[in-house]
mmCIF file of all heavy atoms, coordinates in Angstrom:
data_MODEL
# 
_entry.id   MODEL 
# 
loop_
_atom_site.group_PDB 
_atom_site.id 
_atom_site.type_symbol 
_atom_site.label_atom_id 
_atom_site.label_alt_id 
_atom_site.label_comp_id 
_atom_site.label_asym_id 
_atom_site.label_entity_id 
_atom_site.label_seq_id 
_atom_site.pdbx_PDB_ins_code 
_atom_site.Cartn_x 
_atom_site.Cartn_y 
_atom_site.Cartn_z 
_atom_site.occupancy 
_atom_site.B_iso_or_equiv 
_atom_site.pdbx_formal_charge 
_atom_site.auth_seq_id 
_atom_site.auth_comp_id 
_atom_site.auth_asym_id 
_atom_site.auth_atom_id 
_atom_site.pdbx_PDB_model_num 
ATOM 1   N N   . LEU A 1 1  ? 117.626 109.761 110.903 1.00 0.00 ? 1  LEU A N   1 
ATOM 2   C CA  . LEU A 1 1  ? 117.832 108.360 111.299 1.00 0.00 ? 1  LEU A CA  1 
ATOM 3   C C   . LEU A 1 1  ? 117.562 107.407 110.136 1.00 0.00 ? 1  LEU A C   1 
ATOM 4   O O   . LEU A 1 1  ? 118.306 106.445 109.931 1.00 0.00 ? 1  LEU A O   1 
ATOM 5   C CB  . LEU A 1 1  ? 116.937 107.993 112.482 1.00 0.00 ? 1  LEU A CB  1 
ATOM 6   C CG  . LEU A 1 1  ? 117.408 108.512 113.832 1.00 0.00 ? 1  LEU A CG  1 
ATOM 7   C CD1 . LEU A 1 1  ? 116.387 108.191 114.911 1.00 0.00 ? 1  LEU A CD1 1 
ATOM 8   C CD2 . LEU A 1 1  ? 118.762 107.941 114.201 1.00 0.00 ? 1  LEU A CD2 1 
ATOM 9   N N   . LEU A 1 2  ? 116.513 107.676 109.372 1.00 0.00 ? 2  LEU A N   1 
ATOM 10  C CA  . LEU A 1 2  ? 116.218 106.817 108.224 1.00 0.00 ? 2  LEU A CA  1 
ATOM 11  C C   . LEU A 1 2  ? 117.334 106.888 107.189 1.00 0.00 ? 2  LEU A C   1 
ATOM 12  O O   . LEU A 1 2  ? 117.687 105.873 106.585 1.00 0.00 ? 2  LEU A O   1 
ATOM 13  C CB  . LEU A 1 2  ? 114.884 107.216 107.585 1.00 0.00 ? 2  LEU A CB  1 
ATOM 14  C CG  . LEU A 1 2  ? 113.640 106.866 108.400 1.00 0.00 ? 2  LEU A CG  1 
ATOM 15  C CD1 . LEU A 1 2  ? 112.404 107.488 107.765 1.00 0.00 ? 2  LEU A CD1 1 
ATOM 16  C CD2 . LEU A 1 2  ? 113.474 105.365 108.535 1.00 0.00 ? 2  LEU A CD2 1 
ATOM 17  N N   . LEU A 1 3  ? 117.909 108.065 107.014 1.00 0.00 ? 3  LEU A N   1 
ATOM 18  C CA  . LEU A 1 3  ? 118.968 108.220 106.016 1.00 0.00 ? 3  LEU A CA  1 
ATOM 19  C C   . LEU A 1 3  ? 120.307 107.680 106.502 1.00 0.00 ? 3  LEU A C   1 
ATOM 20  O O   . LEU A 1 3  ? 121.231 107.551 105.709 1.00 0.00 ? 3  LEU A O   1 
ATOM 21  C CB  . LEU A 1 3  ? 119.083 109.681 105.582 1.00 0.00 ? 3  LEU A CB  1 
ATOM 22  C CG  . LEU A 1 3  ? 117.873 110.212 104.794 1.00 0.00 ? 3  LEU A CG  1 
ATOM 23  C CD1 . LEU A 1 3  ? 118.059 111.689 104.453 1.00 0.00 ? 3  LEU A CD1 1 
ATOM 24  C CD2 . LEU A 1 3  ? 117.623 109.396 103.537 1.00 0.00 ? 3  LEU A CD2 1 
ATOM 25  N N   . THR A 1 4  ? 120.420 107.341 107.777 1.00 0.00 ? 4  THR A N   1 
ATOM 26  C CA  . THR A 1 4  ? 121.648 106.673 108.228 1.00 0.00 ? 4  THR A CA  1 
ATOM 27  C C   . THR A 1 4  ? 121.685 105.251 107.683 1.00 0.00 ? 4  THR A C   1 
ATOM 28  O O   . THR A 1 4  ? 122.746 104.676 107.524 1.00 0.00 ? 4  THR A O   1 
ATOM 29  C CB  . THR A 1 4  ? 121.780 106.620 109.765 1.00 0.00 ? 4  THR A CB  1 
ATOM 30  O OG1 . THR A 1 4  ? 120.687 105.896 110.303 1.00 0.00 ? 4  THR A OG1 1 
ATOM 31  C CG2 . THR A 1 4  ? 121.874 108.002 110.377 1.00 0.00 ? 4  THR A CG2 1 
ATOM 32  N N   . GLU A 1 5  ? 120.499 104.677 107.413 1.00 0.00 ? 5  GLU A N   1 
ATOM 33  C CA  . GLU A 1 5  ? 120.405 103.318 106.893 1.00 0.00 ? 5  GLU A CA  1 
ATOM 34  C C   . GLU A 1 5  ? 120.722 103.262 105.407 1.00 0.00 ? 5  GLU A C   1 
ATOM 35  O O   . GLU A 1 5  ? 121.463 102.413 104.959 1.00 0.00 ? 5  GLU A O   1 
ATOM 36  C CB  . GLU A 1 5  ? 118.994 102.758 107.127 1.00 0.00 ? 5  GLU A CB  1 
ATOM 37  C CG  . GLU A 1 5  ? 118.603 102.654 108.582 1.00 0.00 ? 5  GLU A CG  1 
ATOM 38  C CD  . GLU A 1 5  ? 119.439 101.659 109.337 1.00 0.00 ? 5  GLU A CD  1 
ATOM 39  O OE1 . GLU A 1 5  ? 119.740 100.599 108.778 1.00 0.00 ? 5  GLU A OE1 1 
ATOM 40  O OE2 . GLU A 1 5  ? 119.793 101.939 110.487 1.00 0.00 ? 5  GLU A OE2 1 
ATOM 41  N N   . ASP A 1 6  ? 120.091 104.178 104.636 1.00 0.00 ? 6  ASP A N   1 
ATOM 42  C CA  . ASP A 1 6  ? 120.241 104.143 103.186 1.00 0.00 ? 6  ASP A CA  1 
ATOM 43  C C   . ASP A 1 6  ? 119.667 105.424 102.619 1.00 0.00 ? 6  ASP A C   1 
ATOM 44  O O   . ASP A 1 6  ? 118.861 106.098 103.269 1.00 0.00 ? 6  ASP A O   1 
ATOM 45  C CB  . ASP A 1 6  ? 119.490 102.934 102.614 1.00 0.00 ? 6  ASP A CB  1 
ATOM 46  C CG  . ASP A 1 6  ? 119.911 102.587 101.184 1.00 0.00 ? 6  ASP A CG  1 
ATOM 47  O OD1 . ASP A 1 6  ? 120.915 103.153 100.710 1.00 0.00 ? 6  ASP A OD1 1 
ATOM 48  O OD2 . ASP A 1 6  ? 119.243 101.746 100.573 1.00 0.00 ? 6  ASP A OD2 1 
ATOM 49  N N   . GLU A 1 7  ? 120.054 105.757 101.412 1.00 0.00 ? 7  GLU A N   1 
ATOM 50  C CA  . GLU A 1 7  ? 119.467 106.922 100.761 1.00 0.00 ? 7  GLU A CA  1 
ATOM 51  C C   . GLU A 1 7  ? 118.022 106.613 100.412 1.00 0.00 ? 7  GLU A C   1 
ATOM 52  O O   . GLU A 1 7  ? 117.634 105.451 100.267 1.00 0.00 ? 7  GLU A O   1 
ATOM 53  C CB  . GLU A 1 7  ? 120.268 107.317 99.528  1.00 0.00 ? 7  GLU A CB  1 
ATOM 54  C CG  . GLU A 1 7  ? 120.367 106.248 98.477  1.00 0.00 ? 7  GLU A CG  1 
ATOM 55  C CD  . GLU A 1 7  ? 121.290 106.633 97.328  1.00 0.00 ? 7  GLU A CD  1 
ATOM 56  O OE1 . GLU A 1 7  ? 122.366 107.192 97.563  1.00 0.00 ? 7  GLU A OE1 1 
ATOM 57  O OE2 . GLU A 1 7  ? 120.907 106.347 96.176  1.00 0.00 ? 7  GLU A OE2 1 
ATOM 58  N N   . ALA A 1 8  ? 117.198 107.691 100.272 1.00 0.00 ? 8  ALA A N   1 
ATOM 59  C CA  . ALA A 1 8  ? 115.779 107.495 99.969  1.00 0.00 ? 8  ALA A CA  1 
ATOM 60  C C   . ALA A 1 8  ? 115.218 108.756 99.344  1.00 0.00 ? 8  ALA A C   1 
ATOM 61  O O   . ALA A 1 8  ? 115.711 109.866 99.586  1.00 0.00 ? 8  ALA A O   1 
ATOM 62  C CB  . ALA A 1 8  ? 115.008 107.149 101.241 1.00 0.00 ? 8  ALA A CB  1 
ATOM 63  N N   . GLY A 1 9  ? 114.158 108.578 98.562  1.00 0.00 ? 9  GLY A N   1 
ATOM 64  C CA  . GLY A 1 9  ? 113.418 109.701 98.002  1.00 0.00 ? 9  GLY A CA  1 
ATOM 65  C C   . GLY A 1 9  ? 112.353 110.144 98.986  1.00 0.00 ? 9  GLY A C   1 
ATOM 66  O O   . GLY A 1 9  ? 112.109 109.487 100.005 1.00 0.00 ? 9  GLY A O   1 
ATOM 67  N N   . LYS A 1 10 ? 111.674 111.254 98.654  1.00 0.00 ? 10 LYS A N   1 
ATOM 68  C CA  . LYS A 1 10 ? 110.635 111.767 99.556  1.00 0.00 ? 10 LYS A CA  1 
ATOM 69  C C   . LYS A 1 10 ? 109.500 110.763 99.739  1.00 0.00 ? 10 LYS A C   1 
ATOM 70  O O   . LYS A 1 10 ? 109.038 110.550 100.865 1.00 0.00 ? 10 LYS A O   1 
ATOM 71  C CB  . LYS A 1 10 ? 110.079 113.091 99.028  1.00 0.00 ? 10 LYS A CB  1 
ATOM 72  C CG  . LYS A 1 10 ? 111.017 114.253 99.215  1.00 0.00 ? 10 LYS A CG  1 
ATOM 73  C CD  . LYS A 1 10 ? 110.384 115.539 98.698  1.00 0.00 ? 10 LYS A CD  1 
ATOM 74  C CE  . LYS A 1 10 ? 111.370 116.707 98.829  1.00 0.00 ? 10 LYS A CE  1 
ATOM 75  N NZ  . LYS A 1 10 ? 110.812 117.942 98.265  1.00 0.00 ? 10 LYS A NZ  1 
ATOM 76  N N   . ALA A 1 11 ? 109.063 110.143 98.646  1.00 0.00 ? 11 ALA A N   1 
ATOM 77  C CA  . ALA A 1 11 ? 107.962 109.170 98.751  1.00 0.00 ? 11 ALA A CA  1 
ATOM 78  C C   . ALA A 1 11 ? 108.385 107.972 99.603  1.00 0.00 ? 11 ALA A C   1 
ATOM 79  O O   . ALA A 1 11 ? 107.615 107.482 100.436 1.00 0.00 ? 11 ALA A O   1 
ATOM 80  C CB  . ALA A 1 11 ? 107.520 108.710 97.368  1.00 0.00 ? 11 ALA A CB  1 
ATOM 81  N N   . GLY A 1 12 ? 109.613 107.529 99.430  1.00 0.00 ? 12 GLY A N   1 
ATOM 82  C CA  . GLY A 1 12 ? 110.122 106.416 100.231 1.00 0.00 ? 12 GLY A CA  1 
ATOM 83  C C   . GLY A 1 12 ? 110.217 106.781 101.706 1.00 0.00 ? 12 GLY A C   1 
ATOM 84  O O   . GLY A 1 12 ? 109.866 105.987 102.572 1.00 0.00 ? 12 GLY A O   1 
ATOM 85  N N   . LEU A 1 13 ? 110.682 108.000 101.982 1.00 0.00 ? 13 LEU A N   1 
ATOM 86  C CA  . LEU A 1 13 ? 110.747 108.462 103.378 1.00 0.00 ? 13 LEU A CA  1 
ATOM 87  C C   . LEU A 1 13 ? 109.346 108.521 103.978 1.00 0.00 ? 13 LEU A C   1 
ATOM 88  O O   . LEU A 1 13 ? 109.144 108.104 105.118 1.00 0.00 ? 13 LEU A O   1 
ATOM 89  C CB  . LEU A 1 13 ? 111.419 109.841 103.454 1.00 0.00 ? 13 LEU A CB  1 
ATOM 90  C CG  . LEU A 1 13 ? 112.931 109.846 103.220 1.00 0.00 ? 13 LEU A CG  1 
ATOM 91  C CD1 . LEU A 1 13 ? 113.441 111.272 103.026 1.00 0.00 ? 13 LEU A CD1 1 
ATOM 92  C CD2 . LEU A 1 13 ? 113.654 109.164 104.377 1.00 0.00 ? 13 LEU A CD2 1 
ATOM 93  N N   . ALA A 1 14 ? 108.386 109.039 103.202 1.00 0.00 ? 14 ALA A N   1 
ATOM 94  C CA  . ALA A 1 14 ? 107.010 109.115 103.698 1.00 0.00 ? 14 ALA A CA  1 
ATOM 95  C C   . ALA A 1 14 ? 106.498 107.720 104.058 1.00 0.00 ? 14 ALA A C   1 
ATOM 96  O O   . ALA A 1 14 ? 105.912 107.525 105.126 1.00 0.00 ? 14 ALA A O   1 
ATOM 97  C CB  . ALA A 1 14 ? 106.107 109.776 102.660 1.00 0.00 ? 14 ALA A CB  1 
ATOM 98  N N   . ARG A 1 15 ? 106.728 106.752 103.188 1.00 0.00 ? 15 ARG A N   1 
ATOM 99  C CA  . ARG A 1 15 ? 106.295 105.365 103.465 1.00 0.00 ? 15 ARG A CA  1 
ATOM 100 C C   . ARG A 1 15 ? 106.963 104.822 104.726 1.00 0.00 ? 15 ARG A C   1 
ATOM 101 O O   . ARG A 1 15 ? 106.316 104.209 105.568 1.00 0.00 ? 15 ARG A O   1 
ATOM 102 C CB  . ARG A 1 15 ? 106.614 104.451 102.280 1.00 0.00 ? 15 ARG A CB  1 
ATOM 103 C CG  . ARG A 1 15 ? 105.527 104.376 101.243 1.00 0.00 ? 15 ARG A CG  1 
ATOM 104 C CD  . ARG A 1 15 ? 105.756 103.234 100.258 1.00 0.00 ? 15 ARG A CD  1 
ATOM 105 N NE  . ARG A 1 15 ? 107.101 103.201 99.689  1.00 0.00 ? 15 ARG A NE  1 
ATOM 106 C CZ  . ARG A 1 15 ? 107.523 103.947 98.676  1.00 0.00 ? 15 ARG A CZ  1 
ATOM 107 N NH1 . ARG A 1 15 ? 106.706 104.798 98.110  1.00 0.00 ? 15 ARG A NH1 1 
ATOM 108 N NH2 . ARG A 1 15 ? 108.753 103.849 98.228  1.00 0.00 ? 15 ARG A NH2 1 
ATOM 109 N N   . LEU A 1 16 ? 108.283 105.040 104.838 1.00 0.00 ? 16 LEU A N   1 
ATOM 110 C CA  . LEU A 1 16 ? 109.002 104.544 106.018 1.00 0.00 ? 16 LEU A CA  1 
ATOM 111 C C   . LEU A 1 16 ? 108.510 105.198 107.305 1.00 0.00 ? 16 LEU A C   1 
ATOM 112 O O   . LEU A 1 16 ? 108.573 104.611 108.378 1.00 0.00 ? 16 LEU A O   1 
ATOM 113 C CB  . LEU A 1 16 ? 110.506 104.779 105.854 1.00 0.00 ? 16 LEU A CB  1 
ATOM 114 C CG  . LEU A 1 16 ? 111.191 103.926 104.777 1.00 0.00 ? 16 LEU A CG  1 
ATOM 115 C CD1 . LEU A 1 16 ? 112.607 104.453 104.517 1.00 0.00 ? 16 LEU A CD1 1 
ATOM 116 C CD2 . LEU A 1 16 ? 111.218 102.468 105.189 1.00 0.00 ? 16 LEU A CD2 1 
ATOM 117 N N   . LEU A 1 17 ? 108.010 106.421 107.183 1.00 0.00 ? 17 LEU A N   1 
ATOM 118 C CA  . LEU A 1 17 ? 107.466 107.142 108.339 1.00 0.00 ? 17 LEU A CA  1 
ATOM 119 C C   . LEU A 1 17 ? 106.025 106.741 108.638 1.00 0.00 ? 17 LEU A C   1 
ATOM 120 O O   . LEU A 1 17 ? 105.442 107.180 109.612 1.00 0.00 ? 17 LEU A O   1 
ATOM 121 C CB  . LEU A 1 17 ? 107.550 108.654 108.102 1.00 0.00 ? 17 LEU A CB  1 
ATOM 122 C CG  . LEU A 1 17 ? 108.958 109.240 108.089 1.00 0.00 ? 17 LEU A CG  1 
ATOM 123 C CD1 . LEU A 1 17 ? 108.958 110.633 107.468 1.00 0.00 ? 17 LEU A CD1 1 
ATOM 124 C CD2 . LEU A 1 17 ? 109.523 109.276 109.507 1.00 0.00 ? 17 LEU A CD2 1 
ATOM 125 N N   . GLY A 1 18 ? 105.457 105.902 107.755 1.00 0.00 ? 18 GLY A N   1 
ATOM 126 C CA  . GLY A 1 18 ? 104.086 105.454 107.963 1.00 0.00 ? 18 GLY A CA  1 
ATOM 127 C C   . GLY A 1 18 ? 103.052 106.395 107.374 1.00 0.00 ? 18 GLY A C   1 
ATOM 128 O O   . GLY A 1 18 ? 101.871 106.315 107.718 1.00 0.00 ? 18 GLY A O   1 
ATOM 129 N N   . HIS A 1 19 ? 103.470 107.299 106.497 1.00 0.00 ? 19 HIS A N   1 
ATOM 130 C CA  . HIS A 1 19 ? 102.550 108.243 105.865 1.00 0.00 ? 19 HIS A CA  1 
ATOM 131 C C   . HIS A 1 19 ? 102.156 107.727 104.492 1.00 0.00 ? 19 HIS A C   1 
ATOM 132 O O   . HIS A 1 19 ? 102.946 107.065 103.812 1.00 0.00 ? 19 HIS A O   1 
ATOM 133 C CB  . HIS A 1 19 ? 103.196 109.619 105.721 1.00 0.00 ? 19 HIS A CB  1 
ATOM 134 C CG  . HIS A 1 19 ? 103.674 110.187 107.018 1.00 0.00 ? 19 HIS A CG  1 
ATOM 135 N ND1 . HIS A 1 19 ? 104.579 111.213 107.085 1.00 0.00 ? 19 HIS A ND1 1 
ATOM 136 C CD2 . HIS A 1 19 ? 103.386 109.882 108.313 1.00 0.00 ? 19 HIS A CD2 1 
ATOM 137 C CE1 . HIS A 1 19 ? 104.820 111.517 108.346 1.00 0.00 ? 19 HIS A CE1 1 
ATOM 138 N NE2 . HIS A 1 19 ? 104.110 110.716 109.105 1.00 0.00 ? 19 HIS A NE2 1 
ATOM 139 N N   . LYS A 1 20 ? 100.943 108.059 104.066 1.00 0.00 ? 20 LYS A N   1 
ATOM 140 C CA  . LYS A 1 20 ? 100.480 107.624 102.742 1.00 0.00 ? 20 LYS A CA  1 
ATOM 141 C C   . LYS A 1 20 ? 101.048 108.510 101.641 1.00 0.00 ? 20 LYS A C   1 
ATOM 142 O O   . LYS A 1 20 ? 101.298 108.039 100.534 1.00 0.00 ? 20 LYS A O   1 
ATOM 143 C CB  . LYS A 1 20 ? 98.954  107.638 102.692 1.00 0.00 ? 20 LYS A CB  1 
ATOM 144 C CG  . LYS A 1 20 ? 98.330  106.573 103.578 1.00 0.00 ? 20 LYS A CG  1 
ATOM 145 C CD  . LYS A 1 20 ? 96.838  106.589 103.488 1.00 0.00 ? 20 LYS A CD  1 
ATOM 146 C CE  . LYS A 1 20 ? 96.267  105.531 104.425 1.00 0.00 ? 20 LYS A CE  1 
ATOM 147 N NZ  . LYS A 1 20 ? 94.822  105.539 104.451 1.00 0.00 ? 20 LYS A NZ  1 
ATOM 148 N N   . THR A 1 21 ? 101.204 109.782 101.932 1.00 0.00 ? 21 THR A N   1 
ATOM 149 C CA  . THR A 1 21 ? 101.709 110.726 100.927 1.00 0.00 ? 21 THR A CA  1 
ATOM 150 C C   . THR A 1 21 ? 102.794 111.600 101.547 1.00 0.00 ? 21 THR A C   1 
ATOM 151 O O   . THR A 1 21 ? 102.985 111.607 102.770 1.00 0.00 ? 21 THR A O   1 
ATOM 152 C CB  . THR A 1 21 ? 100.586 111.645 100.404 1.00 0.00 ? 21 THR A CB  1 
ATOM 153 O OG1 . THR A 1 21 ? 100.060 112.391 101.512 1.00 0.00 ? 21 THR A OG1 1 
ATOM 154 C CG2 . THR A 1 21 ? 99.476  110.847 99.741  1.00 0.00 ? 21 THR A CG2 1 
ATOM 155 N N   . VAL A 1 22 ? 103.479 112.354 100.696 1.00 0.00 ? 22 VAL A N   1 
ATOM 156 C CA  . VAL A 1 22 ? 104.513 113.279 101.162 1.00 0.00 ? 22 VAL A CA  1 
ATOM 157 C C   . VAL A 1 22 ? 103.804 114.540 101.652 1.00 0.00 ? 22 VAL A C   1 
ATOM 158 O O   . VAL A 1 22 ? 103.124 115.226 100.888 1.00 0.00 ? 22 VAL A O   1 
ATOM 159 C CB  . VAL A 1 22 ? 105.503 113.616 100.020 1.00 0.00 ? 22 VAL A CB  1 
ATOM 160 C CG1 . VAL A 1 22 ? 106.544 114.595 100.508 1.00 0.00 ? 22 VAL A CG1 1 
ATOM 161 C CG2 . VAL A 1 22 ? 106.144 112.349 99.483  1.00 0.00 ? 22 VAL A CG2 1 
ATOM 162 N N   . SER A 1 23 ? 103.966 114.838 102.926 1.00 0.00 ? 23 SER A N   1 
ATOM 163 C CA  . SER A 1 23 ? 103.297 115.998 103.513 1.00 0.00 ? 23 SER A CA  1 
ATOM 164 C C   . SER A 1 23 ? 104.103 117.271 103.289 1.00 0.00 ? 23 SER A C   1 
ATOM 165 O O   . SER A 1 23 ? 105.300 117.227 102.987 1.00 0.00 ? 23 SER A O   1 
ATOM 166 C CB  . SER A 1 23 ? 103.110 115.780 105.015 1.00 0.00 ? 23 SER A CB  1 
ATOM 167 O OG  . SER A 1 23 ? 104.379 115.767 105.654 1.00 0.00 ? 23 SER A OG  1 
ATOM 168 N N   . GLY A 1 24 ? 103.436 118.393 103.468 1.00 0.00 ? 24 GLY A N   1 
ATOM 169 C CA  . GLY A 1 24 ? 104.118 119.684 103.391 1.00 0.00 ? 24 GLY A CA  1 
ATOM 170 C C   . GLY A 1 24 ? 105.205 119.788 104.449 1.00 0.00 ? 24 GLY A C   1 
ATOM 171 O O   . GLY A 1 24 ? 106.270 120.372 104.213 1.00 0.00 ? 24 GLY A O   1 
ATOM 172 N N   . GLU A 1 25 ? 104.947 119.212 105.611 1.00 0.00 ? 25 GLU A N   1 
ATOM 173 C CA  . GLU A 1 25 ? 105.937 119.249 106.696 1.00 0.00 ? 25 GLU A CA  1 
ATOM 174 C C   . GLU A 1 25 ? 107.177 118.446 106.330 1.00 0.00 ? 25 GLU A C   1 
ATOM 175 O O   . GLU A 1 25 ? 108.301 118.850 106.645 1.00 0.00 ? 25 GLU A O   1 
ATOM 176 C CB  . GLU A 1 25 ? 105.323 118.733 108.002 1.00 0.00 ? 25 GLU A CB  1 
ATOM 177 C CG  . GLU A 1 25 ? 106.217 118.870 109.210 1.00 0.00 ? 25 GLU A CG  1 
ATOM 178 C CD  . GLU A 1 25 ? 106.595 120.300 109.569 1.00 0.00 ? 25 GLU A CD  1 
ATOM 179 O OE1 . GLU A 1 25 ? 105.905 121.245 109.164 1.00 0.00 ? 25 GLU A OE1 1 
ATOM 180 O OE2 . GLU A 1 25 ? 107.622 120.473 110.276 1.00 0.00 ? 25 GLU A OE2 1 
ATOM 181 N N   . LEU A 1 26 ? 106.997 117.326 105.654 1.00 0.00 ? 26 LEU A N   1 
ATOM 182 C CA  . LEU A 1 26 ? 108.149 116.539 105.225 1.00 0.00 ? 26 LEU A CA  1 
ATOM 183 C C   . LEU A 1 26 ? 108.968 117.324 104.206 1.00 0.00 ? 26 LEU A C   1 
ATOM 184 O O   . LEU A 1 26 ? 110.194 117.374 104.304 1.00 0.00 ? 26 LEU A O   1 
ATOM 185 C CB  . LEU A 1 26 ? 107.710 115.186 104.635 1.00 0.00 ? 26 LEU A CB  1 
ATOM 186 C CG  . LEU A 1 26 ? 108.834 114.259 104.168 1.00 0.00 ? 26 LEU A CG  1 
ATOM 187 C CD1 . LEU A 1 26 ? 109.822 113.964 105.291 1.00 0.00 ? 26 LEU A CD1 1 
ATOM 188 C CD2 . LEU A 1 26 ? 108.257 112.970 103.605 1.00 0.00 ? 26 LEU A CD2 1 
# 
């Protein structure tokens, strides 16, 4: 869903998901 809006890196996706860092699950 986030990538339907715009492209993003892992750190950007983590921030948009409300996470402080990129998790192993991500």
